[in-house]
Amino acid sequence: MSSPIEITREFIAANAARFDDALEIAKNEFRLLDSDAQYTNAFARLLKWDPLERVAMLGTDQRELFIPVLKDLIRAQRRAASGSFSFFDIGCGDGQTFVLAAEELPDGATGAILDPNAYYLTQYEAAVRAAARLRLGQSICAPFLPNTAVDAPGGFDLILAIHVLYYFDELLPSLARIYELLKPGGAAFIVFADEKTAYTGQALRACHRAAGDSAWLAAFDETCERRRRLLLPGADGHADVQTQLDDRFPESRAALRGWVQASRLFGHTLVDVIALSLISGLDRVETPAKFDAVMELIRTQPELIGLRIERGGHPAREGMLSVVQSQVVVELRREAR
């Protein structure tokens, strides 16, 4: 089987005009767009549809990597559940991820959903209605905060927090609230980009480094490290969040599994690769010089972002460009002592 082709600095230098053109096209596309429109255009690259259904999304393999894990967790929670089964999807989006795992939920399962985007909630509600054997309780249009009012009598069997931790103003209190909302034996499924190594994290660093913003860089690196310390087991197999939760909830024991998945972002063109840098915060940087910083990162450190041409993998992605976008997957269970 053929292997991906790693793109080197020498290759980039030999094809400098192509990279110049891609930068100019990206600037032209995004120059007059506000932050929301920039994000929409960039995120559209992630949602490319494979008409032959060989892959869930052409722009990323993140769902392909974590959905089997989520399905296994739902099956385990379904077997362990006593009585009715309930779930809570935080930062639920439009239901596309839900649909990929919904078949594993038991008949009659009741869900609560939360997202600050009212349109996404409407789409998610339609997805639940389409799965006629499931029911929807609360539909909350709001950001998730530690004091968010959630109707959870007896707690939830399963809580989803998929690519949403970045929007928590208070990470540890929010995680404690998620844990508190679990039934004894309930589990939370948490996924977030490992921006210590991910392309989007490196693009943000490149932009702020070019602007000489050392204070921002230090704060961002600390945020990335803190997420890892809290939710990834260390050499002793223990994550910091377990100690915090055990102290706060002495009647239960926090059990955690967490690991890094080597997921990637994919684009048909160099313009796609530049655009994808916007999906994790760079859209909110107003200066167009951010594109120059991203291109400088691509030109001078292609090995850091894992830039390569796909070969020998999914047929749908053959010949596409890709970059590293590793994600952390965590299963956090609330067990009785």
C-alpha atoms as a PDB file:
ATOM      1  CA  MET A   1       0.000   0.000   0.000  1.00  0.00           C
ATOM      2  CA  SER A   2       1.268   3.483  -0.849  1.00  0.00           C
ATOM      3  CA  SER A   3       2.003   5.926   1.976  1.00  0.00           C
ATOM      4  CA  PRO A   4       1.192   9.630   2.397  1.00  0.00           C
ATOM      5  CA  ILE A   5       3.727  12.058   0.900  1.00  0.00           C
ATOM      6  CA  GLU A   6       5.219  14.378   3.491  1.00  0.00           C
ATOM      7  CA  ILE A   7       5.576  17.928   2.175  1.00  0.00           C
ATOM      8  CA  THR A   8       9.013  19.360   2.908  1.00  0.00           C
ATOM      9  CA  ARG A   9      10.411  22.875   3.000  1.00  0.00           C
ATOM     10  CA  GLU A  10      12.375  22.035  -0.138  1.00  0.00           C
ATOM     11  CA  PHE A  11       9.163  21.086  -1.962  1.00  0.00           C
ATOM     12  CA  ILE A  12       7.523  24.336  -0.829  1.00  0.00           C
ATOM     13  CA  ALA A  13      10.501  26.420  -1.976  1.00  0.00           C
ATOM     14  CA  ALA A  14      10.418  24.733  -5.375  1.00  0.00           C
ATOM     15  CA  ASN A  15       6.701  25.503  -5.702  1.00  0.00           C
ATOM     16  CA  ALA A  16       6.718  28.947  -4.087  1.00  0.00           C
ATOM     17  CA  ALA A  17       4.443  30.511  -6.718  1.00  0.00           C
ATOM     18  CA  ARG A  18       1.648  28.055  -5.899  1.00  0.00           C
ATOM     19  CA  PHE A  19       1.833  28.961  -2.238  1.00  0.00           C
ATOM     20  CA  ASP A  20       1.855  32.681  -3.108  1.00  0.00           C
ATOM     21  CA  ASP A  21      -1.303  32.203  -5.195  1.00  0.00           C
ATOM     22  CA  ALA A  22      -3.063  30.274  -2.419  1.00  0.00           C
ATOM     23  CA  LEU A  23      -2.319  33.044   0.083  1.00  0.00           C
ATOM     24  CA  GLU A  24      -3.687  35.717  -2.260  1.00  0.00           C
ATOM     25  CA  ILE A  25      -6.872  33.723  -2.941  1.00  0.00           C
ATOM     26  CA  ALA A  26      -7.473  33.137   0.771  1.00  0.00           C
ATOM     27  CA  LYS A  27      -7.034  36.836   1.525  1.00  0.00           C
ATOM     28  CA  ASN A  28      -9.471  37.738  -1.252  1.00  0.00           C
ATOM     29  CA  GLU A  29     -12.072  35.288   0.049  1.00  0.00           C
ATOM     30  CA  PHE A  30     -12.005  36.415   3.674  1.00  0.00           C
ATOM     31  CA  ARG A  31     -10.970  40.086   3.417  1.00  0.00           C
ATOM     32  CA  LEU A  32     -14.462  41.620   3.709  1.00  0.00           C
ATOM     33  CA  LEU A  33     -16.097  38.981   5.918  1.00  0.00           C
ATOM     34  CA  ASP A  34     -16.939  39.481   9.580  1.00  0.00           C
ATOM     35  CA  SER A  35     -15.970  36.888  12.186  1.00  0.00           C
ATOM     36  CA  ASP A  36     -19.179  34.852  11.868  1.00  0.00           C
ATOM     37  CA  ALA A  37     -18.958  34.710   8.075  1.00  0.00           C
ATOM     38  CA  GLN A  38     -15.268  33.770   8.238  1.00  0.00           C
ATOM     39  CA  TYR A  39     -16.068  30.908  10.578  1.00  0.00           C
ATOM     40  CA  THR A  40     -18.960  29.756   8.376  1.00  0.00           C
ATOM     41  CA  ASN A  41     -16.802  29.721   5.243  1.00  0.00           C
ATOM     42  CA  ALA A  42     -13.957  27.944   7.008  1.00  0.00           C
ATOM     43  CA  PHE A  43     -16.161  25.382   8.753  1.00  0.00           C
ATOM     44  CA  ALA A  44     -17.844  24.546   5.433  1.00  0.00           C
ATOM     45  CA  ARG A  45     -14.541  22.944   4.418  1.00  0.00           C
ATOM     46  CA  LEU A  46     -14.884  20.585   7.357  1.00  0.00           C
ATOM     47  CA  LEU A  47     -18.387  19.465   6.376  1.00  0.00           C
ATOM     48  CA  LYS A  48     -17.685  18.330   2.822  1.00  0.00           C
ATOM     49  CA  TRP A  49     -20.049  15.499   1.971  1.00  0.00           C
ATOM     50  CA  ASP A  50     -18.913  12.194   0.518  1.00  0.00           C
ATOM     51  CA  PRO A  51     -21.810  11.162  -1.778  1.00  0.00           C
ATOM     52  CA  LEU A  52     -20.704   7.504  -1.669  1.00  0.00           C
ATOM     53  CA  GLU A  53     -20.741   7.607   2.164  1.00  0.00           C
ATOM     54  CA  ARG A  54     -17.263   6.162   2.469  1.00  0.00           C
ATOM     55  CA  VAL A  55     -16.403   8.674   5.204  1.00  0.00           C
ATOM     56  CA  ALA A  56     -18.565  10.744   7.547  1.00  0.00           C
ATOM     57  CA  MET A  57     -16.926  14.043   6.569  1.00  0.00           C
ATOM     58  CA  LEU A  58     -14.311  14.741   3.931  1.00  0.00           C
ATOM     59  CA  GLY A  59     -12.750  17.612   5.868  1.00  0.00           C
ATOM     60  CA  THR A  60     -11.808  15.709   9.008  1.00  0.00           C
ATOM     61  CA  ASP A  61     -11.566  12.194  10.408  1.00  0.00           C
ATOM     62  CA  GLN A  62     -12.317  13.308  13.985  1.00  0.00           C
ATOM     63  CA  ARG A  63     -15.826  11.843  14.031  1.00  0.00           C
ATOM     64  CA  GLU A  64     -14.667   8.623  12.402  1.00  0.00           C
ATOM     65  CA  LEU A  65     -12.181   8.158  15.233  1.00  0.00           C
ATOM     66  CA  PHE A  66     -14.364   9.011  18.226  1.00  0.00           C
ATOM     67  CA  ILE A  67     -17.807   7.726  17.131  1.00  0.00           C
ATOM     68  CA  PRO A  68     -16.870   4.017  17.579  1.00  0.00           C
ATOM     69  CA  VAL A  69     -15.668   4.859  21.108  1.00  0.00           C
ATOM     70  CA  LEU A  70     -18.909   6.731  21.819  1.00  0.00           C
ATOM     71  CA  LYS A  71     -20.999   3.834  20.540  1.00  0.00           C
ATOM     72  CA  ASP A  72     -19.139   1.419  22.823  1.00  0.00           C
ATOM     73  CA  LEU A  73     -19.742   3.752  25.761  1.00  0.00           C
ATOM     74  CA  ILE A  74     -23.468   4.069  25.004  1.00  0.00           C
ATOM     75  CA  ARG A  75     -23.780   0.289  24.837  1.00  0.00           C
ATOM     76  CA  ALA A  76     -22.030  -0.044  28.202  1.00  0.00           C
ATOM     77  CA  GLN A  77     -24.234   2.641  29.759  1.00  0.00           C
ATOM     78  CA  ARG A  78     -27.345   1.062  28.295  1.00  0.00           C
ATOM     79  CA  ARG A  79     -26.501  -2.273  29.909  1.00  0.00           C
ATOM     80  CA  ALA A  80     -25.773  -0.609  33.252  1.00  0.00           C
ATOM     81  CA  ALA A  81     -28.844   1.646  33.299  1.00  0.00           C
ATOM     82  CA  SER A  82     -31.698   0.840  35.666  1.00  0.00           C
ATOM     83  CA  GLY A  83     -35.034   2.203  34.502  1.00  0.00           C
ATOM     84  CA  SER A  84     -35.331   4.940  31.888  1.00  0.00           C
ATOM     85  CA  PHE A  85     -32.249   6.137  30.013  1.00  0.00           C
ATOM     86  CA  SER A  86     -31.466   9.844  29.789  1.00  0.00           C
ATOM     87  CA  PHE A  87     -28.756  11.845  28.030  1.00  0.00           C
ATOM     88  CA  PHE A  88     -27.633  15.482  27.896  1.00  0.00           C
ATOM     89  CA  ASP A  89     -25.810  16.905  24.860  1.00  0.00           C
ATOM     90  CA  ILE A  90     -23.885  20.103  25.737  1.00  0.00           C
ATOM     91  CA  GLY A  91     -22.927  22.338  22.804  1.00  0.00           C
ATOM     92  CA  CYS A  92     -25.002  19.940  20.759  1.00  0.00           C
ATOM     93  CA  GLY A  93     -24.744  21.686  17.394  1.00  0.00           C
ATOM     94  CA  ASP A  94     -27.207  20.687  14.690  1.00  0.00           C
ATOM     95  CA  GLY A  95     -27.434  16.981  15.509  1.00  0.00           C
ATOM     96  CA  GLN A  96     -25.069  15.614  12.852  1.00  0.00           C
ATOM     97  CA  THR A  97     -22.880  13.915  15.451  1.00  0.00           C
ATOM     98  CA  PHE A  98     -25.938  12.698  17.368  1.00  0.00           C
ATOM     99  CA  VAL A  99     -27.293  10.952  14.272  1.00  0.00           C
ATOM    100  CA  LEU A 100     -24.087   8.911  13.902  1.00  0.00           C
ATOM    101  CA  ALA A 101     -24.527   7.326  17.348  1.00  0.00           C
ATOM    102  CA  ALA A 102     -28.298   7.553  17.955  1.00  0.00           C
ATOM    103  CA  GLU A 103     -28.939   3.972  16.864  1.00  0.00           C
ATOM    104  CA  GLU A 104     -27.184   2.742  20.010  1.00  0.00           C
ATOM    105  CA  LEU A 105     -29.541   4.603  22.369  1.00  0.00           C
ATOM    106  CA  PRO A 106     -32.317   2.444  23.840  1.00  0.00           C
ATOM    107  CA  ASP A 107     -35.946   2.902  22.813  1.00  0.00           C
ATOM    108  CA  GLY A 108     -37.599   5.617  24.878  1.00  0.00           C
ATOM    109  CA  ALA A 109     -34.353   7.350  25.814  1.00  0.00           C
ATOM    110  CA  THR A 110     -34.984  10.983  26.759  1.00  0.00           C
ATOM    111  CA  GLY A 111     -32.559  13.735  25.865  1.00  0.00           C
ATOM    112  CA  ALA A 112     -31.838  17.299  26.910  1.00  0.00           C
ATOM    113  CA  ILE A 113     -29.875  19.516  24.528  1.00  0.00           C
ATOM    114  CA  LEU A 114     -28.085  22.837  24.939  1.00  0.00           C
ATOM    115  CA  ASP A 115     -26.523  25.226  22.435  1.00  0.00           C
ATOM    116  CA  PRO A 116     -26.363  29.044  22.150  1.00  0.00           C
ATOM    117  CA  ASN A 117     -27.371  28.788  18.464  1.00  0.00           C
ATOM    118  CA  ALA A 118     -31.184  28.594  18.136  1.00  0.00           C
ATOM    119  CA  TYR A 119     -30.995  27.359  14.530  1.00  0.00           C
ATOM    120  CA  TYR A 120     -28.794  24.427  15.567  1.00  0.00           C
ATOM    121  CA  LEU A 121     -31.311  23.472  18.258  1.00  0.00           C
ATOM    122  CA  THR A 122     -34.102  23.428  15.681  1.00  0.00           C
ATOM    123  CA  GLN A 123     -32.052  21.116  13.453  1.00  0.00           C
ATOM    124  CA  TYR A 124     -31.212  18.827  16.374  1.00  0.00           C
ATOM    125  CA  GLU A 125     -34.865  18.659  17.432  1.00  0.00           C
ATOM    126  CA  ALA A 126     -35.766  17.564  13.909  1.00  0.00           C
ATOM    127  CA  ALA A 127     -33.102  14.829  14.086  1.00  0.00           C
ATOM    128  CA  VAL A 128     -34.606  13.520  17.342  1.00  0.00           C
ATOM    129  CA  ARG A 129     -38.106  13.564  15.855  1.00  0.00           C
ATOM    130  CA  ALA A 130     -36.809  11.599  12.869  1.00  0.00           C
ATOM    131  CA  ALA A 131     -35.590   8.938  15.301  1.00  0.00           C
ATOM    132  CA  ALA A 132     -39.163   8.423  16.454  1.00  0.00           C
ATOM    133  CA  ARG A 133     -38.237   5.987  19.222  1.00  0.00           C
ATOM    134  CA  LEU A 134     -36.435   8.735  21.190  1.00  0.00           C
ATOM    135  CA  ARG A 135     -37.857  11.654  23.165  1.00  0.00           C
ATOM    136  CA  LEU A 136     -36.611  15.184  23.790  1.00  0.00           C
ATOM    137  CA  GLY A 137     -37.111  16.971  27.100  1.00  0.00           C
ATOM    138  CA  GLN A 138     -35.400  20.322  27.526  1.00  0.00           C
ATOM    139  CA  SER A 139     -34.023  22.299  24.599  1.00  0.00           C
ATOM    140  CA  ILE A 140     -31.917  25.099  26.098  1.00  0.00           C
ATOM    141  CA  CYS A 141     -30.688  28.023  23.993  1.00  0.00           C
ATOM    142  CA  ALA A 142     -27.801  29.289  26.121  1.00  0.00           C
ATOM    143  CA  PRO A 143     -24.089  28.854  26.761  1.00  0.00           C
ATOM    144  CA  PHE A 144     -23.211  26.184  29.319  1.00  0.00           C
ATOM    145  CA  LEU A 145     -22.317  27.657  32.700  1.00  0.00           C
ATOM    146  CA  PRO A 146     -21.893  26.035  36.119  1.00  0.00           C
ATOM    147  CA  ASN A 147     -25.238  27.571  37.170  1.00  0.00           C
ATOM    148  CA  THR A 148     -27.170  26.676  34.002  1.00  0.00           C
ATOM    149  CA  ALA A 149     -30.622  25.397  35.000  1.00  0.00           C
ATOM    150  CA  VAL A 150     -31.022  21.829  33.749  1.00  0.00           C
ATOM    151  CA  ASP A 151     -33.984  19.570  34.529  1.00  0.00           C
ATOM    152  CA  ALA A 152     -32.234  16.342  35.531  1.00  0.00           C
ATOM    153  CA  PRO A 153     -34.237  14.408  38.123  1.00  0.00           C
ATOM    154  CA  GLY A 154     -31.940  11.650  39.302  1.00  0.00           C
ATOM    155  CA  GLY A 155     -29.227  12.719  36.881  1.00  0.00           C
ATOM    156  CA  PHE A 156     -28.190  11.582  33.399  1.00  0.00           C
ATOM    157  CA  ASP A 157     -26.874   8.214  32.253  1.00  0.00           C
ATOM    158  CA  LEU A 158     -24.781   9.906  29.562  1.00  0.00           C
ATOM    159  CA  ILE A 159     -23.520  13.458  29.033  1.00  0.00           C
ATOM    160  CA  LEU A 160     -21.839  14.569  25.799  1.00  0.00           C
ATOM    161  CA  ALA A 161     -19.413  17.505  25.662  1.00  0.00           C
ATOM    162  CA  ILE A 162     -17.902  17.147  22.201  1.00  0.00           C
ATOM    163  CA  HIS A 163     -15.547  19.917  21.012  1.00  0.00           C
ATOM    164  CA  VAL A 164     -17.116  22.427  23.378  1.00  0.00           C
ATOM    165  CA  LEU A 165     -14.648  22.876  26.279  1.00  0.00           C
ATOM    166  CA  TYR A 166     -13.071  25.874  24.508  1.00  0.00           C
ATOM    167  CA  TYR A 167     -16.242  27.855  25.194  1.00  0.00           C
ATOM    168  CA  PHE A 168     -16.357  27.215  28.950  1.00  0.00           C
ATOM    169  CA  ASP A 169     -15.365  30.405  30.760  1.00  0.00           C
ATOM    170  CA  GLU A 170     -14.662  28.377  33.906  1.00  0.00           C
ATOM    171  CA  LEU A 171     -13.312  24.960  32.971  1.00  0.00           C
ATOM    172  CA  LEU A 172     -13.060  23.186  36.324  1.00  0.00           C
ATOM    173  CA  PRO A 173     -16.412  24.445  37.716  1.00  0.00           C
ATOM    174  CA  SER A 174     -18.046  23.449  34.408  1.00  0.00           C
ATOM    175  CA  LEU A 175     -16.537  19.961  34.581  1.00  0.00           C
ATOM    176  CA  ALA A 176     -17.711  19.677  38.190  1.00  0.00           C
ATOM    177  CA  ARG A 177     -21.223  20.643  37.091  1.00  0.00           C
ATOM    178  CA  ILE A 178     -21.174  17.993  34.350  1.00  0.00           C
ATOM    179  CA  TYR A 179     -20.057  15.404  36.913  1.00  0.00           C
ATOM    180  CA  GLU A 180     -22.750  16.524  39.352  1.00  0.00           C
ATOM    181  CA  LEU A 181     -25.440  16.014  36.685  1.00  0.00           C
ATOM    182  CA  LEU A 182     -24.467  12.351  36.197  1.00  0.00           C
ATOM    183  CA  LYS A 183     -26.370   9.529  37.834  1.00  0.00           C
ATOM    184  CA  PRO A 184     -24.300   7.184  40.011  1.00  0.00           C
ATOM    185  CA  GLY A 185     -22.727   4.998  37.345  1.00  0.00           C
ATOM    186  CA  GLY A 186     -23.342   7.649  34.688  1.00  0.00           C
ATOM    187  CA  ALA A 187     -20.591   8.700  32.278  1.00  0.00           C
ATOM    188  CA  ALA A 188     -19.547  11.864  30.446  1.00  0.00           C
ATOM    189  CA  PHE A 189     -17.988  11.663  27.000  1.00  0.00           C
ATOM    190  CA  ILE A 190     -15.649  14.611  26.395  1.00  0.00           C
ATOM    191  CA  VAL A 191     -13.695  15.423  23.221  1.00  0.00           C
ATOM    192  CA  PHE A 192     -11.487  18.436  22.542  1.00  0.00           C
ATOM    193  CA  ALA A 193      -8.711  19.391  20.145  1.00  0.00           C
ATOM    194  CA  ASP A 194      -5.234  18.977  21.606  1.00  0.00           C
ATOM    195  CA  GLU A 195      -4.184  22.488  20.646  1.00  0.00           C
ATOM    196  CA  LYS A 196      -0.739  21.925  22.094  1.00  0.00           C
ATOM    197  CA  THR A 197      -0.013  20.031  18.860  1.00  0.00           C
ATOM    198  CA  ALA A 198      -3.009  20.709  16.574  1.00  0.00           C
ATOM    199  CA  TYR A 199      -2.685  22.772  13.397  1.00  0.00           C
ATOM    200  CA  THR A 200      -5.273  25.301  14.592  1.00  0.00           C
ATOM    201  CA  GLY A 201      -3.349  25.820  17.824  1.00  0.00           C
ATOM    202  CA  GLN A 202      -0.082  26.277  15.932  1.00  0.00           C
ATOM    203  CA  ALA A 203      -1.792  28.766  13.581  1.00  0.00           C
ATOM    204  CA  LEU A 204      -3.031  30.817  16.539  1.00  0.00           C
ATOM    205  CA  ARG A 205       0.460  30.824  18.015  1.00  0.00           C
ATOM    206  CA  ALA A 206       1.995  31.875  14.704  1.00  0.00           C
ATOM    207  CA  CYS A 207      -0.403  34.806  14.407  1.00  0.00           C
ATOM    208  CA  HIS A 208       0.174  36.120  17.925  1.00  0.00           C
ATOM    209  CA  ARG A 209       3.930  35.466  17.698  1.00  0.00           C
ATOM    210  CA  ALA A 210       4.076  37.596  14.555  1.00  0.00           C
ATOM    211  CA  ALA A 211       2.244  40.351  16.453  1.00  0.00           C
ATOM    212  CA  GLY A 212       4.733  40.093  19.350  1.00  0.00           C
ATOM    213  CA  ASP A 213       1.977  39.195  21.826  1.00  0.00           C
ATOM    214  CA  SER A 214       4.053  37.197  24.309  1.00  0.00           C
ATOM    215  CA  ALA A 215       1.472  37.555  27.112  1.00  0.00           C
ATOM    216  CA  TRP A 216      -1.230  35.951  24.939  1.00  0.00           C
ATOM    217  CA  LEU A 217       1.111  33.141  23.929  1.00  0.00           C
ATOM    218  CA  ALA A 218       1.959  32.341  27.549  1.00  0.00           C
ATOM    219  CA  ALA A 219      -1.718  32.348  28.537  1.00  0.00           C
ATOM    220  CA  PHE A 220      -2.712  30.156  25.585  1.00  0.00           C
ATOM    221  CA  ASP A 221       0.029  27.612  26.287  1.00  0.00           C
ATOM    222  CA  GLU A 222      -1.069  27.470  29.930  1.00  0.00           C
ATOM    223  CA  THR A 223      -4.686  26.893  28.863  1.00  0.00           C
ATOM    224  CA  CYS A 224      -3.671  24.022  26.578  1.00  0.00           C
ATOM    225  CA  GLU A 225      -1.501  22.475  29.289  1.00  0.00           C
ATOM    226  CA  ARG A 226      -4.243  22.881  31.895  1.00  0.00           C
ATOM    227  CA  ARG A 227      -6.773  20.993  29.780  1.00  0.00           C
ATOM    228  CA  ARG A 228      -4.278  18.171  29.375  1.00  0.00           C
ATOM    229  CA  ARG A 229      -3.359  18.104  33.087  1.00  0.00           C
ATOM    230  CA  LEU A 230      -7.004  18.035  34.113  1.00  0.00           C
ATOM    231  CA  LEU A 231      -8.242  15.422  31.686  1.00  0.00           C
ATOM    232  CA  LEU A 232      -5.335  13.262  30.517  1.00  0.00           C
ATOM    233  CA  PRO A 233      -3.953  10.616  32.890  1.00  0.00           C
ATOM    234  CA  GLY A 234      -0.327  11.180  33.872  1.00  0.00           C
ATOM    235  CA  ALA A 235       2.401   8.601  34.379  1.00  0.00           C
ATOM    236  CA  ASP A 236       0.543   7.346  37.469  1.00  0.00           C
ATOM    237  CA  GLY A 237      -2.638   6.800  35.432  1.00  0.00           C
ATOM    238  CA  HIS A 238      -4.404   9.601  37.302  1.00  0.00           C
ATOM    239  CA  ALA A 239      -5.748  12.925  35.962  1.00  0.00           C
ATOM    240  CA  ASP A 240      -5.975  16.104  38.048  1.00  0.00           C
ATOM    241  CA  VAL A 241      -9.745  16.388  37.601  1.00  0.00           C
ATOM    242  CA  GLN A 242     -10.239  13.115  39.498  1.00  0.00           C
ATOM    243  CA  THR A 243      -8.645  14.526  42.643  1.00  0.00           C
ATOM    244  CA  GLN A 244     -10.686  17.712  42.345  1.00  0.00           C
ATOM    245  CA  LEU A 245     -13.961  15.831  41.891  1.00  0.00           C
ATOM    246  CA  ASP A 246     -13.259  13.285  44.630  1.00  0.00           C
ATOM    247  CA  ASP A 247     -12.639  16.123  47.079  1.00  0.00           C
ATOM    248  CA  ARG A 248     -15.826  17.926  46.067  1.00  0.00           C
ATOM    249  CA  PHE A 249     -18.049  14.823  45.867  1.00  0.00           C
ATOM    250  CA  PRO A 250     -16.761  12.463  48.595  1.00  0.00           C
ATOM    251  CA  GLU A 251     -19.752  10.135  48.230  1.00  0.00           C
ATOM    252  CA  SER A 252     -18.608   9.101  44.747  1.00  0.00           C
ATOM    253  CA  ARG A 253     -15.384   8.177  42.957  1.00  0.00           C
ATOM    254  CA  ALA A 254     -14.336   9.740  39.651  1.00  0.00           C
ATOM    255  CA  ALA A 255     -13.110   7.099  37.196  1.00  0.00           C
ATOM    256  CA  LEU A 256     -11.457   8.387  34.039  1.00  0.00           C
ATOM    257  CA  ARG A 257     -10.028   7.086  30.777  1.00  0.00           C
ATOM    258  CA  GLY A 258      -8.371   9.576  28.460  1.00  0.00           C
ATOM    259  CA  TRP A 259      -6.082   9.409  25.436  1.00  0.00           C
ATOM    260  CA  VAL A 260      -4.987  11.335  22.342  1.00  0.00           C
ATOM    261  CA  GLN A 261      -6.271  10.373  18.893  1.00  0.00           C
ATOM    262  CA  ALA A 262      -4.097  11.319  15.905  1.00  0.00           C
ATOM    263  CA  SER A 263      -6.901  12.936  13.930  1.00  0.00           C
ATOM    264  CA  ARG A 264      -6.367  15.238  10.940  1.00  0.00           C
ATOM    265  CA  LEU A 265      -7.928  18.005   8.859  1.00  0.00           C
ATOM    266  CA  PHE A 266      -8.175  17.535   5.075  1.00  0.00           C
ATOM    267  CA  GLY A 267      -8.458  20.020   2.205  1.00  0.00           C
ATOM    268  CA  HIS A 268      -8.585  19.774  -1.557  1.00  0.00           C
ATOM    269  CA  THR A 269      -6.353  22.832  -2.015  1.00  0.00           C
ATOM    270  CA  LEU A 270      -3.846  24.981  -0.167  1.00  0.00           C
ATOM    271  CA  VAL A 271      -6.615  27.576   0.172  1.00  0.00           C
ATOM    272  CA  ASP A 272      -8.623  24.994   2.127  1.00  0.00           C
ATOM    273  CA  VAL A 273      -5.664  24.399   4.444  1.00  0.00           C
ATOM    274  CA  ILE A 274      -5.311  28.134   5.096  1.00  0.00           C
ATOM    275  CA  ALA A 275      -9.069  28.514   5.634  1.00  0.00           C
ATOM    276  CA  LEU A 276      -9.197  25.623   8.114  1.00  0.00           C
ATOM    277  CA  SER A 277      -6.838  27.547  10.396  1.00  0.00           C
ATOM    278  CA  LEU A 278      -9.822  29.791  11.221  1.00  0.00           C
ATOM    279  CA  ILE A 279     -12.041  27.188  12.873  1.00  0.00           C
ATOM    280  CA  SER A 280     -10.598  27.462  16.368  1.00  0.00           C
ATOM    281  CA  GLY A 281     -10.344  31.128  17.279  1.00  0.00           C
ATOM    282  CA  LEU A 282      -8.345  32.683  14.468  1.00  0.00           C
ATOM    283  CA  ASP A 283     -11.622  33.875  12.890  1.00  0.00           C
ATOM    284  CA  ARG A 284     -11.875  36.411  15.731  1.00  0.00           C
ATOM    285  CA  VAL A 285      -8.492  37.977  14.921  1.00  0.00           C
ATOM    286  CA  GLU A 286      -9.352  41.016  12.806  1.00  0.00           C
ATOM    287  CA  THR A 287      -6.090  41.789  11.017  1.00  0.00           C
ATOM    288  CA  PRO A 288      -5.651  40.169   7.561  1.00  0.00           C
ATOM    289  CA  ALA A 289      -1.973  39.758   8.476  1.00  0.00           C
ATOM    290  CA  LYS A 290      -3.075  36.543  10.212  1.00  0.00           C
ATOM    291  CA  PHE A 291      -3.075  34.836   6.800  1.00  0.00           C
ATOM    292  CA  ASP A 292       0.539  35.861   6.228  1.00  0.00           C
ATOM    293  CA  ALA A 293       1.426  34.357   9.619  1.00  0.00           C
ATOM    294  CA  VAL A 294      -0.364  31.103   8.770  1.00  0.00           C
ATOM    295  CA  MET A 295       1.392  30.877   5.413  1.00  0.00           C
ATOM    296  CA  GLU A 296       4.751  31.541   7.070  1.00  0.00           C
ATOM    297  CA  LEU A 297       4.007  28.621   9.418  1.00  0.00           C
ATOM    298  CA  ILE A 298       3.147  26.392   6.447  1.00  0.00           C
ATOM    299  CA  ARG A 299       6.245  27.419   4.472  1.00  0.00           C
ATOM    300  CA  THR A 300       8.810  27.183   7.269  1.00  0.00           C
ATOM    301  CA  GLN A 301       7.430  24.417   9.526  1.00  0.00           C
ATOM    302  CA  PRO A 302       5.423  21.960   7.419  1.00  0.00           C
ATOM    303  CA  GLU A 303       6.750  19.109   9.582  1.00  0.00           C
ATOM    304  CA  LEU A 304       5.362  20.769  12.743  1.00  0.00           C
ATOM    305  CA  ILE A 305       1.835  20.758  11.349  1.00  0.00           C
ATOM    306  CA  GLY A 306       2.261  17.407   9.595  1.00  0.00           C
ATOM    307  CA  LEU A 307       1.491  18.791   6.125  1.00  0.00           C
ATOM    308  CA  ARG A 308       1.208  15.951   3.636  1.00  0.00           C
ATOM    309  CA  ILE A 309      -0.556  14.607   0.527  1.00  0.00           C
ATOM    310  CA  GLU A 310      -2.863  11.682   1.290  1.00  0.00           C
ATOM    311  CA  ARG A 311      -2.212   8.351  -0.371  1.00  0.00           C
ATOM    312  CA  GLY A 312      -3.244   4.797   0.461  1.00  0.00           C
ATOM    313  CA  GLY A 313      -5.941   5.707   2.993  1.00  0.00           C
ATOM    314  CA  HIS A 314      -9.625   6.398   2.417  1.00  0.00           C
ATOM    315  CA  PRO A 315     -10.338   6.524  -1.329  1.00  0.00           C
ATOM    316  CA  ALA A 316     -12.442   9.653  -0.792  1.00  0.00           C
ATOM    317  CA  ARG A 317      -9.389  11.517   0.515  1.00  0.00           C
ATOM    318  CA  GLU A 318      -6.820  10.272  -1.994  1.00  0.00           C
ATOM    319  CA  GLY A 319      -4.687  13.189  -3.166  1.00  0.00           C
ATOM    320  CA  MET A 320      -6.007  15.637  -0.573  1.00  0.00           C
ATOM    321  CA  LEU A 321      -3.751  17.773   1.605  1.00  0.00           C
ATOM    322  CA  SER A 322      -3.906  17.225   5.347  1.00  0.00           C
ATOM    323  CA  VAL A 323      -2.538  18.575   8.619  1.00  0.00           C
ATOM    324  CA  VAL A 324      -2.422  17.300  12.199  1.00  0.00           C
ATOM    325  CA  GLN A 325      -5.467  18.085  14.349  1.00  0.00           C
ATOM    326  CA  SER A 326      -5.052  15.660  17.249  1.00  0.00           C
ATOM    327  CA  GLN A 327      -7.967  15.366  19.660  1.00  0.00           C
ATOM    328  CA  VAL A 328      -8.279  14.197  23.247  1.00  0.00           C
ATOM    329  CA  VAL A 329     -11.032  11.694  24.061  1.00  0.00           C
ATOM    330  CA  VAL A 330     -12.144  11.284  27.678  1.00  0.00           C
ATOM    331  CA  GLU A 331     -14.633   9.000  29.410  1.00  0.00           C
ATOM    332  CA  LEU A 332     -15.439  10.299  32.890  1.00  0.00           C
ATOM    333  CA  ARG A 333     -17.587   8.046  35.073  1.00  0.00           C
ATOM    334  CA  ARG A 334     -19.226   8.762  38.431  1.00  0.00           C
ATOM    335  CA  GLU A 335     -18.971   5.609  40.515  1.00  0.00           C
ATOM    336  CA  ALA A 336     -20.325   4.953  43.988  1.00  0.00           C
ATOM    337  CA  ARG A 337     -17.684   4.361  46.659  1.00  0.00           C
END
